[in-house]
Amino acid sequence: MTEPLTKDDYKPGDVTVHHDPERLHRVVKALRAAGRNVALVPTMGALHEGHRKLIREAHVMQNTVVVVSIFVNPTQFGPDEDYERYPRTLESDVDICREERVGLVFAPSAGDVYLPGSSVTVHPGPLGDELEGASRPGHFTGVLTVVAKLFNIVQPTYAVFGEKDYQQLTLVHRMARDLNMPTHVVGVPTVREADGLALSSRNRYLSEEQRQAATALSAALVAGAHVSGRGADAVLEAARDTLDAVPGVDLDYLELRAPDLGPAPENGDARLLVAARVGSTRLIDNIAVLLGTGDE
Protein backbone atom coordinates (compact mmCIF):
# COMPACT_ATOMS: atom_id res chain seq x y z
CA MET A 1 0.00 0.00 0.00
CA THR A 2 1.28 3.48 -0.89
CA GLU A 3 1.59 5.71 2.15
CA PRO A 4 -0.24 9.06 2.02
CA LEU A 5 1.84 12.14 1.37
CA THR A 6 2.45 14.71 4.08
CA LYS A 7 3.38 18.39 3.79
CA ASP A 8 6.98 17.39 4.51
CA ASP A 9 6.93 15.05 1.50
CA TYR A 10 5.16 17.19 -1.09
CA LYS A 11 3.64 20.65 -0.92
CA PRO A 12 1.48 21.42 -3.97
CA GLY A 13 2.27 24.93 -5.17
CA ASP A 14 5.75 24.99 -3.61
CA VAL A 15 8.99 23.12 -4.09
CA THR A 16 9.94 20.35 -1.65
CA VAL A 17 13.60 19.37 -1.31
CA HIS A 18 14.54 15.75 -0.69
CA HIS A 19 18.01 14.35 -0.01
CA ASP A 20 17.17 10.73 0.78
CA PRO A 21 16.63 8.49 -2.30
CA GLU A 22 14.26 6.11 -0.51
CA ARG A 23 12.04 8.91 0.73
CA LEU A 24 11.97 10.58 -2.69
CA HIS A 25 11.10 7.23 -4.28
CA ARG A 26 8.18 6.84 -1.87
CA VAL A 27 6.89 10.30 -2.72
CA VAL A 28 6.94 9.82 -6.50
CA LYS A 29 5.39 6.37 -6.09
CA ALA A 30 2.49 7.96 -4.20
CA LEU A 31 2.12 10.67 -6.83
CA ARG A 32 1.99 8.09 -9.62
CA ALA A 33 -0.53 6.05 -7.64
CA ALA A 34 -2.64 9.21 -7.46
CA GLY A 35 -2.65 9.44 -11.26
CA ARG A 36 0.12 12.00 -11.76
CA ASN A 37 2.89 11.74 -14.33
CA VAL A 38 6.43 12.56 -13.24
CA ALA A 39 8.80 14.57 -15.45
CA LEU A 40 12.47 14.45 -14.43
CA VAL A 41 15.00 17.16 -15.31
CA PRO A 42 18.45 15.82 -14.35
CA THR A 43 21.03 18.55 -13.62
CA MET A 44 24.31 19.11 -11.82
CA GLY A 45 23.01 22.38 -10.42
CA ALA A 46 24.33 25.89 -11.08
CA LEU A 47 21.04 26.41 -12.88
CA HIS A 48 20.74 28.97 -15.69
CA GLU A 49 18.28 29.93 -18.43
CA GLY A 50 18.99 26.72 -20.28
CA HIS A 51 17.81 24.71 -17.29
CA ARG A 52 14.76 26.94 -17.00
CA LYS A 53 13.92 26.01 -20.58
CA LEU A 54 14.16 22.30 -19.73
CA ILE A 55 11.87 22.78 -16.73
CA ARG A 56 9.34 24.69 -18.81
CA GLU A 57 9.35 21.92 -21.41
CA ALA A 58 8.76 19.40 -18.62
CA HIS A 59 5.68 21.35 -17.54
CA VAL A 60 4.25 20.95 -21.05
CA MET A 61 3.89 17.21 -20.48
CA GLN A 62 0.35 16.31 -19.49
CA ASN A 63 -0.58 16.07 -15.79
CA THR A 64 3.01 16.16 -14.56
CA VAL A 65 4.82 16.87 -11.34
CA VAL A 66 8.29 18.16 -12.28
CA VAL A 67 11.27 16.74 -10.39
CA VAL A 68 14.67 18.44 -10.75
CA SER A 69 17.66 16.45 -9.60
CA ILE A 70 20.71 18.44 -8.48
CA PHE A 71 23.75 16.21 -8.16
CA VAL A 72 27.36 16.81 -9.17
CA ASN A 73 28.13 13.26 -10.23
CA PRO A 74 31.72 12.32 -9.33
CA THR A 75 31.88 9.28 -11.61
CA GLN A 76 31.62 11.30 -14.83
CA PHE A 77 34.65 13.47 -14.01
CA GLY A 78 38.18 12.41 -14.92
CA PRO A 79 41.13 12.80 -12.51
CA ASP A 80 42.26 16.06 -14.15
CA GLU A 81 38.79 17.56 -14.56
CA ASP A 82 36.91 20.16 -12.54
CA TYR A 83 34.86 18.08 -10.07
CA GLU A 84 36.11 19.91 -6.97
CA ARG A 85 35.61 23.39 -8.42
CA TYR A 86 32.34 22.66 -10.22
CA PRO A 87 29.88 25.30 -8.94
CA ARG A 88 27.55 24.17 -6.16
CA THR A 89 24.74 26.66 -5.62
CA LEU A 90 21.92 24.66 -4.06
CA GLU A 91 20.15 27.56 -2.32
CA SER A 92 19.88 29.70 -5.46
CA ASP A 93 19.05 26.59 -7.52
CA VAL A 94 16.08 25.86 -5.26
CA ASP A 95 14.96 29.48 -5.64
CA ILE A 96 14.98 29.05 -9.42
CA CYS A 97 13.04 25.80 -9.08
CA ARG A 98 10.46 27.59 -6.95
CA GLU A 99 10.12 30.34 -9.56
CA GLU A 100 9.64 27.69 -12.25
CA ARG A 101 6.95 25.83 -10.23
CA VAL A 102 9.02 22.68 -9.74
CA GLY A 103 7.31 20.24 -7.39
CA LEU A 104 10.28 18.29 -6.05
CA VAL A 105 14.03 18.85 -5.90
CA PHE A 106 16.20 15.78 -5.36
CA ALA A 107 19.62 16.76 -3.99
CA PRO A 108 21.34 13.62 -2.69
CA SER A 109 24.90 13.22 -1.47
CA ALA A 110 27.42 11.07 -3.36
CA GLY A 111 27.22 8.52 -0.53
CA ASP A 112 23.46 8.25 -0.96
CA VAL A 113 23.74 7.62 -4.70
CA TYR A 114 26.78 5.33 -4.62
CA LEU A 115 26.43 2.94 -1.71
CA PRO A 116 29.56 1.36 -0.19
CA GLY A 117 30.77 -1.50 -2.32
CA SER A 118 28.88 -0.39 -5.46
CA SER A 119 30.44 -1.98 -8.53
CA VAL A 120 27.75 -2.38 -11.21
CA THR A 121 27.79 0.24 -13.95
CA VAL A 122 26.12 0.88 -17.32
CA HIS A 123 28.48 0.55 -20.28
CA PRO A 124 27.64 2.93 -23.15
CA GLY A 125 28.87 0.72 -25.99
CA PRO A 126 31.23 1.82 -28.79
CA LEU A 127 29.81 5.36 -29.08
CA GLY A 128 30.89 5.99 -25.50
CA ASP A 129 34.54 5.90 -26.62
CA GLU A 130 34.10 8.43 -29.45
CA LEU A 131 33.91 12.24 -29.52
CA GLU A 132 33.58 13.25 -25.85
CA GLY A 133 34.40 9.70 -24.80
CA ALA A 134 37.74 9.76 -26.63
CA SER A 135 38.77 12.88 -24.71
CA ARG A 136 37.16 11.83 -21.43
CA PRO A 137 37.60 8.06 -20.93
CA GLY A 138 34.89 6.56 -18.73
CA HIS A 139 32.81 9.72 -18.82
CA PHE A 140 29.72 8.16 -20.34
CA THR A 141 29.84 5.12 -18.09
CA GLY A 142 29.51 7.60 -15.23
CA VAL A 143 26.75 9.52 -16.99
CA LEU A 144 24.63 6.51 -17.92
CA THR A 145 25.08 4.87 -14.54
CA VAL A 146 23.84 7.92 -12.64
CA VAL A 147 20.98 8.48 -15.11
CA ALA A 148 19.93 4.85 -14.69
CA LYS A 149 19.98 5.34 -10.92
CA LEU A 150 17.87 8.49 -11.22
CA PHE A 151 15.40 6.69 -13.48
CA ASN A 152 15.08 3.90 -10.92
CA ILE A 153 14.66 6.27 -7.97
CA VAL A 154 12.29 8.76 -9.64
CA GLN A 155 10.58 6.38 -12.10
CA PRO A 156 9.74 9.28 -14.41
CA THR A 157 7.24 9.10 -17.23
CA TYR A 158 9.38 11.69 -19.03
CA ALA A 159 13.01 12.76 -18.71
CA VAL A 160 14.12 16.04 -20.27
CA PHE A 161 17.67 16.69 -21.53
CA GLY A 162 19.25 19.53 -23.49
CA GLU A 163 20.64 19.09 -26.99
CA LYS A 164 23.81 20.99 -26.07
CA ASP A 165 25.10 17.71 -24.63
CA TYR A 166 24.05 15.94 -27.81
CA GLN A 167 26.14 12.80 -27.38
CA GLN A 168 24.80 12.40 -23.85
CA LEU A 169 21.23 12.77 -25.12
CA THR A 170 21.86 10.20 -27.85
CA LEU A 171 23.31 7.67 -25.40
CA VAL A 172 20.50 8.16 -22.88
CA HIS A 173 18.00 7.53 -25.69
CA ARG A 174 19.86 4.31 -26.55
CA MET A 175 20.04 3.18 -22.95
CA ALA A 176 16.32 3.69 -22.41
CA ARG A 177 15.58 1.79 -25.63
CA ASP A 178 18.10 -1.02 -25.23
CA LEU A 179 17.30 -1.68 -21.57
CA ASN A 180 13.51 -1.36 -22.04
CA MET A 181 13.23 1.51 -19.61
CA PRO A 182 9.64 2.86 -19.49
CA THR A 183 10.77 6.50 -19.60
CA HIS A 184 10.23 8.75 -22.61
CA VAL A 185 13.43 10.74 -23.19
CA VAL A 186 12.81 14.26 -24.51
CA GLY A 187 15.45 16.48 -26.14
CA VAL A 188 15.24 20.28 -25.99
CA PRO A 189 17.11 22.64 -28.36
CA THR A 190 20.16 24.46 -27.04
CA VAL A 191 19.56 27.83 -25.38
CA ARG A 192 22.03 30.52 -26.41
CA GLU A 193 23.15 33.98 -25.41
CA ALA A 194 22.44 36.83 -27.82
CA ASP A 195 25.94 36.42 -29.29
CA GLY A 196 25.39 32.70 -29.94
CA LEU A 197 27.33 31.21 -27.03
CA ALA A 198 25.60 28.09 -25.77
CA LEU A 199 24.55 28.42 -22.14
CA SER A 200 26.62 26.27 -19.81
CA SER A 201 27.37 26.24 -16.10
CA ARG A 202 31.06 26.28 -17.06
CA ASN A 203 30.75 29.65 -18.81
CA ARG A 204 31.20 31.30 -15.42
CA TYR A 205 34.84 30.14 -15.46
CA LEU A 206 35.61 32.33 -18.48
CA SER A 207 37.23 35.76 -18.24
CA GLU A 208 35.73 38.54 -20.33
CA GLU A 209 38.37 38.02 -23.02
CA GLN A 210 37.92 34.24 -22.97
CA ARG A 211 34.17 34.54 -23.17
CA GLN A 212 34.50 36.61 -26.32
CA ALA A 213 36.83 34.00 -27.81
CA ALA A 214 34.37 31.23 -26.86
CA THR A 215 31.78 32.59 -29.27
CA ALA A 216 34.00 31.15 -32.02
CA LEU A 217 32.46 27.73 -31.34
CA SER A 218 28.93 28.75 -32.24
CA ALA A 219 30.19 30.99 -35.05
CA ALA A 220 32.04 28.02 -36.55
CA LEU A 221 28.91 25.88 -36.43
CA VAL A 222 26.87 28.57 -38.15
CA ALA A 223 29.56 29.03 -40.80
CA GLY A 224 29.54 25.30 -41.49
CA ALA A 225 25.75 25.12 -41.66
CA HIS A 226 25.71 28.07 -44.07
CA VAL A 227 27.59 26.09 -46.74
CA SER A 228 25.97 22.72 -46.06
CA GLY A 229 24.61 22.56 -49.61
CA ARG A 230 28.18 22.09 -50.84
CA GLY A 231 28.68 18.91 -48.85
CA ALA A 232 30.59 17.66 -45.82
CA ASP A 233 34.07 18.86 -46.83
CA ALA A 234 32.84 22.43 -47.28
CA VAL A 235 31.05 22.35 -43.93
CA LEU A 236 34.15 21.22 -42.05
CA GLU A 237 36.43 23.64 -43.91
CA ALA A 238 34.23 26.65 -43.18
CA ALA A 239 33.88 25.71 -39.52
CA ARG A 240 37.60 25.08 -39.07
CA ASP A 241 38.58 28.33 -40.78
CA THR A 242 36.33 30.22 -38.37
CA LEU A 243 37.92 28.54 -35.36
CA ASP A 244 41.46 29.06 -36.67
CA ALA A 245 40.83 32.79 -37.01
CA VAL A 246 40.29 33.23 -33.26
CA PRO A 247 43.30 33.04 -30.92
CA GLY A 248 42.88 31.36 -27.57
CA VAL A 249 40.66 28.51 -28.82
CA ASP A 250 42.36 25.11 -28.53
CA LEU A 251 40.34 22.71 -30.70
CA ASP A 252 39.75 19.19 -29.40
CA TYR A 253 37.50 17.89 -32.18
CA LEU A 254 35.29 19.10 -35.00
CA GLU A 255 33.21 16.34 -36.55
CA LEU A 256 30.24 15.86 -38.81
CA ARG A 257 28.03 12.89 -37.97
CA ALA A 258 24.59 11.44 -38.72
CA PRO A 259 21.83 12.46 -36.28
CA ASP A 260 22.37 9.17 -34.40
CA LEU A 261 26.13 9.97 -34.36
CA GLY A 262 26.97 7.29 -36.88
CA PRO A 263 28.92 8.22 -40.05
CA ALA A 264 27.65 11.36 -41.76
CA PRO A 265 25.51 10.82 -44.87
CA GLU A 266 26.41 12.33 -48.23
CA ASN A 267 23.03 14.03 -48.31
CA GLY A 268 20.39 14.77 -45.73
CA ASP A 269 20.27 15.46 -42.02
CA ALA A 270 23.54 15.55 -40.09
CA ARG A 271 25.04 16.95 -36.89
CA LEU A 272 28.11 19.16 -36.65
CA LEU A 273 29.84 18.90 -33.28
CA VAL A 274 32.74 20.81 -31.74
CA ALA A 275 34.74 20.72 -28.51
CA ALA A 276 37.52 23.11 -27.53
CA ARG A 277 39.33 24.57 -24.57
CA VAL A 278 39.26 28.28 -23.95
CA GLY A 279 41.80 28.92 -21.23
CA SER A 280 41.32 26.04 -18.81
CA THR A 281 37.60 25.67 -19.60
CA ARG A 282 36.40 22.93 -21.91
CA LEU A 283 33.31 23.80 -23.95
CA ILE A 284 31.14 21.82 -26.36
CA ASP A 285 28.48 22.77 -28.88
CA ASN A 286 26.65 21.32 -31.86
CA ILE A 287 24.15 22.19 -34.57
CA ALA A 288 21.90 20.37 -37.03
CA VAL A 289 22.86 20.72 -40.70
CA LEU A 290 21.26 19.58 -43.94
CA LEU A 291 23.86 18.26 -46.37
CA GLY A 292 23.93 18.29 -50.13
CA THR A 293 20.72 20.13 -50.99
CA GLY A 294 22.43 22.68 -53.19
CA ASP A 295 21.31 25.47 -50.85
CA GLU A 296 23.58 27.76 -48.87
Foldseek 3Di string as FASTA:
>chain_A
DQDDDDVQLWDQLFEHEDAALVSLLSSLVVVVVVVAFEEEEEDQDPDDVQSLVQLVVSVVPPRYQYEYEHHLQPQLDDPPDDSPPQDDDVVVRSVSCSVSRHTYYYYYYNCNQAPPPDDDWDDLPPLCCPDVCVVRPRNLRSVLRSVVSVCVSNVGQEYEDECFVVSSLLSNVVCCVVVVRNHHYHYDYFDADPLQHTDDSLLVVDDPLLNVLRSLQRVLQVQLQQVQQVWDVNSVVSSVVSNVVGPQKAWDDWDKAASSRHRHDRFAKIKIKTWTDRPNTIGIGMDIHTHNPNGD
